[in-house]
Amino acid sequence: MEARQSGVKGPDAGPAGLPGQANGAVEGAAVVYRRVLLKLSGESFVRPGERGISMDEVLLVARQVFLAASRGVELAIVIGGGNILRGASFTAGNSGVHEATAHSMGMLATVINGLALQDALESLGAQTRLMTAIRMDGVAEPYIRRRARRHLEKGRIVILAAGTGSPFVTTDTAAAQRALELEADVLMKATRVDGVYSDDPEKNPHAILYRDLSYQQIRDQNLRVMDVTAISQCMEHDMPILVFNYRREGNIVRAIAGERIGSRVSRPG
């Protein structure tokens, strides 16, 4: 699937205080993708090894997202909730919480993250909409595909929380599904490492970084990119995936500008 050219160029300089202004590769970069689905894990909202929410970390992400959106790309974000609670943590059989209930609790954790990201983005001047797969009208809009697309067309950053609204479905799968529903040009997964490796690079210094992979290679080698269902959906519908390190300053902008960063998963040829 080829990325569609948007023809939209960003301003000559980004807003004051945003990352990447001093880097010529980022400043004024034209976007390659018209519409992007960005997947953020809950861990991106907290310092490594900690739990809860660190607004310093949220603002670090928000600044990059705002700078990317200022380039003219339509940006939807699916967020995880593992920094607060993982539904899988209740599946060991030693708790009184039903597994389906635990997954619902995890969905609510993503909404908490969504509220934090929304306020961080709006503090920078961004226009946002928080949409949830579970109705909670007092804090967010319900996710409706046509409405979400309209928000994107109007230049609003759309934050998508509560996964798919169903238990036993990961936020990776939710990201793949929303990318397809919203007709994104690419699904970008932001991580703490530089892309897809042959092994965990934080444990194995000899792990090999793959620059280009097929969906089948991901499945055959059992590489930890996204869960099997998410990979299968992207494979079936030819949705390219870009895995990159969001913690490198300006990388989100570089990704939407089509610079060669991270690992790309797509159909061969």
C-alpha atoms as a PDB file:
ATOM      1  CA  MET A   1       0.000   0.000   0.000  1.00  0.00           C
ATOM      2  CA  GLU A   2       1.594   3.239  -1.076  1.00  0.00           C
ATOM      3  CA  ALA A   3       1.340   6.340   1.078  1.00  0.00           C
ATOM      4  CA  ARG A   4      -0.786   9.057  -0.465  1.00  0.00           C
ATOM      5  CA  GLN A   5       0.866  12.439  -0.881  1.00  0.00           C
ATOM      6  CA  SER A   6      -0.848  15.192   1.073  1.00  0.00           C
ATOM      7  CA  GLY A   7       0.990  18.095  -0.507  1.00  0.00           C
ATOM      8  CA  VAL A   8       0.761  19.916   2.831  1.00  0.00           C
ATOM      9  CA  LYS A   9       3.893  21.572   4.115  1.00  0.00           C
ATOM     10  CA  GLY A  10       4.491  22.667   7.640  1.00  0.00           C
ATOM     11  CA  PRO A  11       5.393  26.153   8.770  1.00  0.00           C
ATOM     12  CA  ASP A  12       8.980  27.350   8.559  1.00  0.00           C
ATOM     13  CA  ALA A  13       9.323  27.024  12.317  1.00  0.00           C
ATOM     14  CA  GLY A  14       7.385  25.152  14.966  1.00  0.00           C
ATOM     15  CA  PRO A  15       5.777  26.618  18.068  1.00  0.00           C
ATOM     16  CA  ALA A  16       8.160  27.893  20.719  1.00  0.00           C
ATOM     17  CA  GLY A  17       9.514  25.241  23.025  1.00  0.00           C
ATOM     18  CA  LEU A  18       8.616  22.270  20.828  1.00  0.00           C
ATOM     19  CA  PRO A  19      11.218  19.609  20.071  1.00  0.00           C
ATOM     20  CA  GLY A  20      12.957  19.398  16.741  1.00  0.00           C
ATOM     21  CA  GLN A  21      13.091  23.115  15.908  1.00  0.00           C
ATOM     22  CA  ALA A  22      16.862  23.165  15.856  1.00  0.00           C
ATOM     23  CA  ASN A  23      17.108  20.066  13.681  1.00  0.00           C
ATOM     24  CA  GLY A  24      17.119  20.900   9.984  1.00  0.00           C
ATOM     25  CA  ALA A  25      15.783  17.460   9.107  1.00  0.00           C
ATOM     26  CA  VAL A  26      12.621  18.191  11.052  1.00  0.00           C
ATOM     27  CA  GLU A  27      12.050  21.899  10.642  1.00  0.00           C
ATOM     28  CA  GLY A  28       9.643  22.656   7.791  1.00  0.00           C
ATOM     29  CA  ALA A  29       9.404  18.976   6.776  1.00  0.00           C
ATOM     30  CA  ALA A  30       6.572  18.137   4.402  1.00  0.00           C
ATOM     31  CA  VAL A  31       4.335  15.277   5.402  1.00  0.00           C
ATOM     32  CA  VAL A  32       4.281  12.110   3.320  1.00  0.00           C
ATOM     33  CA  TYR A  33       1.156  10.653   4.909  1.00  0.00           C
ATOM     34  CA  ARG A  34      -2.263  12.259   4.735  1.00  0.00           C
ATOM     35  CA  ARG A  35      -3.768  10.401   7.697  1.00  0.00           C
ATOM     36  CA  VAL A  36      -1.900   8.524  10.428  1.00  0.00           C
ATOM     37  CA  LEU A  37      -3.001   6.235  13.238  1.00  0.00           C
ATOM     38  CA  LEU A  38      -0.478   6.505  16.076  1.00  0.00           C
ATOM     39  CA  LYS A  39      -0.434   3.792  18.746  1.00  0.00           C
ATOM     40  CA  LEU A  40       0.922   4.901  22.127  1.00  0.00           C
ATOM     41  CA  SER A  41       1.401   2.424  24.957  1.00  0.00           C
ATOM     42  CA  GLY A  42       0.507   3.361  28.499  1.00  0.00           C
ATOM     43  CA  GLU A  43       4.195   3.130  29.364  1.00  0.00           C
ATOM     44  CA  SER A  44       4.829   6.237  27.247  1.00  0.00           C
ATOM     45  CA  PHE A  45       2.987   8.234  29.938  1.00  0.00           C
ATOM     46  CA  VAL A  46       5.346   7.305  32.759  1.00  0.00           C
ATOM     47  CA  ARG A  47       9.066   7.082  33.472  1.00  0.00           C
ATOM     48  CA  PRO A  48      10.656   3.666  32.878  1.00  0.00           C
ATOM     49  CA  GLY A  49       9.983   1.273  35.729  1.00  0.00           C
ATOM     50  CA  GLU A  50       7.285   3.452  37.318  1.00  0.00           C
ATOM     51  CA  ARG A  51       3.489   3.308  37.437  1.00  0.00           C
ATOM     52  CA  GLY A  52       0.785   5.942  37.229  1.00  0.00           C
ATOM     53  CA  ILE A  53       1.077   9.102  35.132  1.00  0.00           C
ATOM     54  CA  SER A  54       3.991  11.501  34.855  1.00  0.00           C
ATOM     55  CA  MET A  55       2.813  14.740  33.263  1.00  0.00           C
ATOM     56  CA  ASP A  56       6.412  15.461  32.256  1.00  0.00           C
ATOM     57  CA  GLU A  57       6.338  12.306  30.147  1.00  0.00           C
ATOM     58  CA  VAL A  58       2.855  13.107  28.815  1.00  0.00           C
ATOM     59  CA  LEU A  59       4.015  16.570  27.766  1.00  0.00           C
ATOM     60  CA  LEU A  60       7.082  15.071  26.077  1.00  0.00           C
ATOM     61  CA  VAL A  61       4.753  13.021  23.882  1.00  0.00           C
ATOM     62  CA  ALA A  62       2.229  15.842  23.475  1.00  0.00           C
ATOM     63  CA  ARG A  63       4.854  18.278  22.161  1.00  0.00           C
ATOM     64  CA  GLN A  64       5.926  15.840  19.472  1.00  0.00           C
ATOM     65  CA  VAL A  65       2.325  15.046  18.541  1.00  0.00           C
ATOM     66  CA  PHE A  66       1.433  18.744  18.340  1.00  0.00           C
ATOM     67  CA  LEU A  67       4.442  19.489  16.164  1.00  0.00           C
ATOM     68  CA  ALA A  68       3.518  16.593  13.857  1.00  0.00           C
ATOM     69  CA  ALA A  69      -0.095  17.761  13.590  1.00  0.00           C
ATOM     70  CA  SER A  70       1.079  21.298  12.791  1.00  0.00           C
ATOM     71  CA  ARG A  71       2.616  19.863   9.601  1.00  0.00           C
ATOM     72  CA  GLY A  72      -0.875  19.189   8.279  1.00  0.00           C
ATOM     73  CA  VAL A  73      -1.228  15.454   8.866  1.00  0.00           C
ATOM     74  CA  GLU A  74      -4.569  14.131  10.131  1.00  0.00           C
ATOM     75  CA  LEU A  75      -3.678  12.339  13.342  1.00  0.00           C
ATOM     76  CA  ALA A  76      -5.649   9.796  15.370  1.00  0.00           C
ATOM     77  CA  ILE A  77      -4.120   8.246  18.486  1.00  0.00           C
ATOM     78  CA  VAL A  78      -4.989   4.948  20.154  1.00  0.00           C
ATOM     79  CA  ILE A  79      -3.644   4.712  23.687  1.00  0.00           C
ATOM     80  CA  GLY A  80      -2.975   1.857  26.055  1.00  0.00           C
ATOM     81  CA  GLY A  81      -3.408   1.788  29.814  1.00  0.00           C
ATOM     82  CA  GLY A  82      -0.662  -0.497  31.095  1.00  0.00           C
ATOM     83  CA  ASN A  83       0.891   2.267  33.184  1.00  0.00           C
ATOM     84  CA  ILE A  84      -2.229   2.198  35.369  1.00  0.00           C
ATOM     85  CA  LEU A  85      -3.674  -1.291  35.057  1.00  0.00           C
ATOM     86  CA  ARG A  86      -3.463  -4.313  32.792  1.00  0.00           C
ATOM     87  CA  GLY A  87      -6.493  -6.561  32.550  1.00  0.00           C
ATOM     88  CA  ALA A  88      -4.172  -9.540  32.103  1.00  0.00           C
ATOM     89  CA  SER A  89      -2.793  -9.007  35.612  1.00  0.00           C
ATOM     90  CA  PHE A  90      -6.042 -10.455  37.007  1.00  0.00           C
ATOM     91  CA  THR A  91      -5.935 -13.667  34.995  1.00  0.00           C
ATOM     92  CA  ALA A  92      -3.626 -15.648  37.261  1.00  0.00           C
ATOM     93  CA  GLY A  93      -6.605 -17.133  39.095  1.00  0.00           C
ATOM     94  CA  ASN A  94      -5.678 -15.627  42.447  1.00  0.00           C
ATOM     95  CA  SER A  95      -8.100 -12.694  42.399  1.00  0.00           C
ATOM     96  CA  GLY A  96     -11.826 -12.320  42.833  1.00  0.00           C
ATOM     97  CA  VAL A  97     -12.138 -10.221  39.650  1.00  0.00           C
ATOM     98  CA  HIS A  98     -13.593 -11.911  36.593  1.00  0.00           C
ATOM     99  CA  GLU A  99     -11.281 -11.692  33.581  1.00  0.00           C
ATOM    100  CA  ALA A 100     -13.846  -9.828  31.476  1.00  0.00           C
ATOM    101  CA  THR A 101     -14.282  -7.314  34.303  1.00  0.00           C
ATOM    102  CA  ALA A 102     -10.515  -6.902  34.508  1.00  0.00           C
ATOM    103  CA  HIS A 103     -10.374  -6.048  30.815  1.00  0.00           C
ATOM    104  CA  SER A 104     -13.093  -3.456  31.334  1.00  0.00           C
ATOM    105  CA  MET A 105     -10.997  -1.956  34.124  1.00  0.00           C
ATOM    106  CA  GLY A 106      -8.077  -1.790  31.712  1.00  0.00           C
ATOM    107  CA  MET A 107     -10.247   0.054  29.192  1.00  0.00           C
ATOM    108  CA  LEU A 108     -11.077   2.669  31.817  1.00  0.00           C
ATOM    109  CA  ALA A 109      -7.344   3.109  32.442  1.00  0.00           C
ATOM    110  CA  THR A 110      -6.909   4.127  28.791  1.00  0.00           C
ATOM    111  CA  VAL A 111      -9.558   6.800  29.274  1.00  0.00           C
ATOM    112  CA  ILE A 112      -7.594   8.258  32.196  1.00  0.00           C
ATOM    113  CA  ASN A 113      -4.549   8.427  29.913  1.00  0.00           C
ATOM    114  CA  GLY A 114      -6.677   9.972  27.188  1.00  0.00           C
ATOM    115  CA  LEU A 115      -7.826  12.767  29.477  1.00  0.00           C
ATOM    116  CA  ALA A 116      -4.224  13.484  30.487  1.00  0.00           C
ATOM    117  CA  LEU A 117      -3.049  13.587  26.861  1.00  0.00           C
ATOM    118  CA  GLN A 118      -5.996  15.742  25.807  1.00  0.00           C
ATOM    119  CA  ASP A 119      -5.254  18.396  28.424  1.00  0.00           C
ATOM    120  CA  ALA A 120      -1.529  18.307  27.621  1.00  0.00           C
ATOM    121  CA  LEU A 121      -2.217  18.854  23.924  1.00  0.00           C
ATOM    122  CA  GLU A 122      -4.745  21.612  24.541  1.00  0.00           C
ATOM    123  CA  SER A 123      -2.290  23.382  26.851  1.00  0.00           C
ATOM    124  CA  LEU A 124      -0.071  23.679  23.754  1.00  0.00           C
ATOM    125  CA  GLY A 125      -2.898  25.105  21.652  1.00  0.00           C
ATOM    126  CA  ALA A 126      -4.028  21.958  19.835  1.00  0.00           C
ATOM    127  CA  GLN A 127      -7.643  21.209  18.999  1.00  0.00           C
ATOM    128  CA  THR A 128      -8.551  17.725  20.192  1.00  0.00           C
ATOM    129  CA  ARG A 129     -11.411  15.320  20.616  1.00  0.00           C
ATOM    130  CA  LEU A 130     -11.388  12.402  23.050  1.00  0.00           C
ATOM    131  CA  MET A 131     -13.585   9.553  21.827  1.00  0.00           C
ATOM    132  CA  THR A 132     -14.274   6.342  23.714  1.00  0.00           C
ATOM    133  CA  ALA A 133     -15.543   2.936  22.646  1.00  0.00           C
ATOM    134  CA  ILE A 134     -17.543   2.788  25.906  1.00  0.00           C
ATOM    135  CA  ARG A 135     -20.049   5.585  26.366  1.00  0.00           C
ATOM    136  CA  MET A 136     -19.140   8.069  29.093  1.00  0.00           C
ATOM    137  CA  ASP A 137     -20.768  11.246  27.863  1.00  0.00           C
ATOM    138  CA  GLY A 138     -19.653  13.375  30.788  1.00  0.00           C
ATOM    139  CA  VAL A 139     -15.978  13.199  29.798  1.00  0.00           C
ATOM    140  CA  ALA A 140     -15.741  12.160  26.146  1.00  0.00           C
ATOM    141  CA  GLU A 141     -17.613  11.662  22.896  1.00  0.00           C
ATOM    142  CA  PRO A 142     -18.691   8.160  21.889  1.00  0.00           C
ATOM    143  CA  TYR A 143     -16.592   6.715  19.090  1.00  0.00           C
ATOM    144  CA  ILE A 144     -18.523   6.939  15.836  1.00  0.00           C
ATOM    145  CA  ARG A 145     -16.468   6.302  12.729  1.00  0.00           C
ATOM    146  CA  ARG A 146     -18.004   9.032  10.557  1.00  0.00           C
ATOM    147  CA  ARG A 147     -17.746  11.587  13.343  1.00  0.00           C
ATOM    148  CA  ALA A 148     -14.119  10.677  14.009  1.00  0.00           C
ATOM    149  CA  ARG A 149     -13.296  11.108  10.322  1.00  0.00           C
ATOM    150  CA  ARG A 150     -14.991  14.492  10.299  1.00  0.00           C
ATOM    151  CA  HIS A 151     -12.924  15.629  13.268  1.00  0.00           C
ATOM    152  CA  LEU A 152      -9.770  14.546  11.441  1.00  0.00           C
ATOM    153  CA  GLU A 153     -10.808  16.411   8.305  1.00  0.00           C
ATOM    154  CA  LYS A 154     -11.229  19.561  10.410  1.00  0.00           C
ATOM    155  CA  GLY A 155      -7.665  19.257  11.686  1.00  0.00           C
ATOM    156  CA  ARG A 156      -8.468  18.026  15.190  1.00  0.00           C
ATOM    157  CA  ILE A 157      -6.257  15.473  16.905  1.00  0.00           C
ATOM    158  CA  VAL A 158      -8.527  12.545  17.740  1.00  0.00           C
ATOM    159  CA  ILE A 159      -7.644  10.516  20.844  1.00  0.00           C
ATOM    160  CA  LEU A 160      -9.265   7.067  20.847  1.00  0.00           C
ATOM    161  CA  ALA A 161      -9.639   5.376  24.219  1.00  0.00           C
ATOM    162  CA  ALA A 162     -11.264   2.256  25.727  1.00  0.00           C
ATOM    163  CA  GLY A 163      -9.883  -0.040  23.042  1.00  0.00           C
ATOM    164  CA  THR A 164     -12.664  -1.588  20.983  1.00  0.00           C
ATOM    165  CA  GLY A 165     -15.060  -1.573  23.930  1.00  0.00           C
ATOM    166  CA  SER A 166     -14.920  -5.374  24.172  1.00  0.00           C
ATOM    167  CA  PRO A 167     -12.933  -7.555  26.589  1.00  0.00           C
ATOM    168  CA  PHE A 168     -10.191  -9.930  25.424  1.00  0.00           C
ATOM    169  CA  VAL A 169      -9.105  -7.476  22.714  1.00  0.00           C
ATOM    170  CA  THR A 170      -5.776  -5.665  23.037  1.00  0.00           C
ATOM    171  CA  THR A 171      -5.196  -2.008  22.279  1.00  0.00           C
ATOM    172  CA  ASP A 172      -2.852  -3.159  19.481  1.00  0.00           C
ATOM    173  CA  THR A 173      -5.811  -4.829  17.805  1.00  0.00           C
ATOM    174  CA  ALA A 174      -7.901  -1.724  18.496  1.00  0.00           C
ATOM    175  CA  ALA A 175      -5.223   0.352  16.753  1.00  0.00           C
ATOM    176  CA  ALA A 176      -5.262  -1.915  13.700  1.00  0.00           C
ATOM    177  CA  GLN A 177      -9.057  -1.834  13.561  1.00  0.00           C
ATOM    178  CA  ARG A 178      -9.268   1.949  13.897  1.00  0.00           C
ATOM    179  CA  ALA A 179      -6.542   2.428  11.287  1.00  0.00           C
ATOM    180  CA  LEU A 180      -8.627   0.411   8.843  1.00  0.00           C
ATOM    181  CA  GLU A 181     -11.926   2.061   9.762  1.00  0.00           C
ATOM    182  CA  LEU A 182     -10.494   5.565   9.431  1.00  0.00           C
ATOM    183  CA  GLU A 183      -8.592   4.695   6.224  1.00  0.00           C
ATOM    184  CA  ALA A 184      -5.213   5.706   7.614  1.00  0.00           C
ATOM    185  CA  ASP A 185      -2.223   5.575   5.304  1.00  0.00           C
ATOM    186  CA  VAL A 186      -0.077   3.910   7.960  1.00  0.00           C
ATOM    187  CA  LEU A 187      -0.232   2.545  11.489  1.00  0.00           C
ATOM    188  CA  MET A 188       2.669   3.916  13.522  1.00  0.00           C
ATOM    189  CA  LYS A 189       3.583   2.185  16.761  1.00  0.00           C
ATOM    190  CA  ALA A 190       5.656   4.343  19.107  1.00  0.00           C
ATOM    191  CA  THR A 191       7.997   2.371  21.362  1.00  0.00           C
ATOM    192  CA  ARG A 192      11.008   2.883  23.625  1.00  0.00           C
ATOM    193  CA  VAL A 193      13.368   1.076  21.207  1.00  0.00           C
ATOM    194  CA  ASP A 194      14.444   1.910  17.661  1.00  0.00           C
ATOM    195  CA  GLY A 195      12.252  -0.629  15.886  1.00  0.00           C
ATOM    196  CA  VAL A 196      11.774  -4.378  15.574  1.00  0.00           C
ATOM    197  CA  TYR A 197      14.683  -6.486  16.802  1.00  0.00           C
ATOM    198  CA  SER A 198      15.507 -10.182  16.576  1.00  0.00           C
ATOM    199  CA  ASP A 199      15.490 -10.226  20.386  1.00  0.00           C
ATOM    200  CA  ASP A 200      14.897  -7.843  23.265  1.00  0.00           C
ATOM    201  CA  PRO A 201      17.622  -5.184  22.764  1.00  0.00           C
ATOM    202  CA  GLU A 202      17.447  -4.172  26.411  1.00  0.00           C
ATOM    203  CA  LYS A 203      18.480  -7.708  27.415  1.00  0.00           C
ATOM    204  CA  ASN A 204      20.524  -8.830  24.405  1.00  0.00           C
ATOM    205  CA  PRO A 205      23.106  -6.288  23.140  1.00  0.00           C
ATOM    206  CA  HIS A 206      23.623  -8.426  20.025  1.00  0.00           C
ATOM    207  CA  ALA A 207      19.979  -8.226  18.918  1.00  0.00           C
ATOM    208  CA  ILE A 208      19.624  -7.286  15.250  1.00  0.00           C
ATOM    209  CA  LEU A 209      17.473  -4.336  14.171  1.00  0.00           C
ATOM    210  CA  TYR A 210      15.292  -5.129  11.144  1.00  0.00           C
ATOM    211  CA  ARG A 211      14.579  -2.207   8.817  1.00  0.00           C
ATOM    212  CA  ASP A 212      12.081  -3.946   6.531  1.00  0.00           C
ATOM    213  CA  LEU A 213       9.891  -6.915   7.316  1.00  0.00           C
ATOM    214  CA  SER A 214       6.894  -8.664   5.831  1.00  0.00           C
ATOM    215  CA  TYR A 215       3.830  -9.551   7.888  1.00  0.00           C
ATOM    216  CA  GLN A 216       4.644 -13.226   7.331  1.00  0.00           C
ATOM    217  CA  GLN A 217       8.167 -12.791   8.734  1.00  0.00           C
ATOM    218  CA  ILE A 218       6.674 -11.243  11.856  1.00  0.00           C
ATOM    219  CA  ARG A 219       4.427 -14.257  12.293  1.00  0.00           C
ATOM    220  CA  ASP A 220       6.975 -16.913  11.344  1.00  0.00           C
ATOM    221  CA  GLN A 221       9.692 -15.526  13.632  1.00  0.00           C
ATOM    222  CA  ASN A 222       7.246 -14.643  16.407  1.00  0.00           C
ATOM    223  CA  LEU A 223       8.678 -11.135  16.602  1.00  0.00           C
ATOM    224  CA  ARG A 224       7.165  -8.924  19.263  1.00  0.00           C
ATOM    225  CA  VAL A 225       5.685  -6.078  17.278  1.00  0.00           C
ATOM    226  CA  MET A 226       1.947  -6.311  17.900  1.00  0.00           C
ATOM    227  CA  ASP A 227      -0.293  -9.183  18.845  1.00  0.00           C
ATOM    228  CA  VAL A 228      -1.171 -11.852  16.271  1.00  0.00           C
ATOM    229  CA  THR A 229      -4.689 -10.546  15.668  1.00  0.00           C
ATOM    230  CA  ALA A 230      -3.454  -7.026  14.941  1.00  0.00           C
ATOM    231  CA  ILE A 231      -0.787  -8.316  12.534  1.00  0.00           C
ATOM    232  CA  SER A 232      -3.345 -10.525  10.792  1.00  0.00           C
ATOM    233  CA  GLN A 233      -5.734  -7.613  10.294  1.00  0.00           C
ATOM    234  CA  CYS A 234      -2.987  -5.410   8.862  1.00  0.00           C
ATOM    235  CA  MET A 235      -1.788  -8.253   6.636  1.00  0.00           C
ATOM    236  CA  GLU A 236      -5.263  -9.006   5.314  1.00  0.00           C
ATOM    237  CA  HIS A 237      -5.978  -5.372   4.467  1.00  0.00           C
ATOM    238  CA  ASP A 238      -2.447  -4.338   3.462  1.00  0.00           C
ATOM    239  CA  MET A 239      -2.037  -1.739   6.216  1.00  0.00           C
ATOM    240  CA  PRO A 240       1.671  -0.833   6.583  1.00  0.00           C
ATOM    241  CA  ILE A 241       3.114  -0.610  10.097  1.00  0.00           C
ATOM    242  CA  LEU A 242       6.005   1.601  11.179  1.00  0.00           C
ATOM    243  CA  VAL A 243       7.628   0.821  14.536  1.00  0.00           C
ATOM    244  CA  PHE A 244       9.918   3.545  15.859  1.00  0.00           C
ATOM    245  CA  ASN A 245      11.402   5.116  18.989  1.00  0.00           C
ATOM    246  CA  TYR A 246       9.238   8.070  20.050  1.00  0.00           C
ATOM    247  CA  ARG A 247      11.736   9.051  22.751  1.00  0.00           C
ATOM    248  CA  ARG A 248      14.232  10.284  20.188  1.00  0.00           C
ATOM    249  CA  GLU A 249      13.443  13.970  19.880  1.00  0.00           C
ATOM    250  CA  GLY A 250      11.549  14.812  16.689  1.00  0.00           C
ATOM    251  CA  ASN A 251      11.021  11.197  15.618  1.00  0.00           C
ATOM    252  CA  ILE A 252       7.243  11.481  15.279  1.00  0.00           C
ATOM    253  CA  VAL A 253       7.696  14.351  12.825  1.00  0.00           C
ATOM    254  CA  ARG A 254      10.446  12.445  11.002  1.00  0.00           C
ATOM    255  CA  ALA A 255       8.121   9.456  10.709  1.00  0.00           C
ATOM    256  CA  ILE A 256       5.275  11.411   9.102  1.00  0.00           C
ATOM    257  CA  ALA A 257       7.802  13.126   6.823  1.00  0.00           C
ATOM    258  CA  GLY A 258       8.816   9.708   5.491  1.00  0.00           C
ATOM    259  CA  GLU A 259      12.361   9.732   6.836  1.00  0.00           C
ATOM    260  CA  ARG A 260      14.060   6.352   7.128  1.00  0.00           C
ATOM    261  CA  ILE A 261      13.630   5.557  10.801  1.00  0.00           C
ATOM    262  CA  GLY A 262      12.499   2.508  12.695  1.00  0.00           C
ATOM    263  CA  SER A 263      11.204  -0.698  11.138  1.00  0.00           C
ATOM    264  CA  ARG A 264       8.595  -0.923   8.397  1.00  0.00           C
ATOM    265  CA  VAL A 265       6.273  -3.913   8.133  1.00  0.00           C
ATOM    266  CA  SER A 266       4.474  -4.301   4.821  1.00  0.00           C
ATOM    267  CA  ARG A 267       3.723  -6.660   1.973  1.00  0.00           C
ATOM    268  CA  PRO A 268       6.889  -7.586   0.063  1.00  0.00           C
ATOM    269  CA  GLY A 269       7.396  -6.072  -3.376  1.00  0.00           C
END
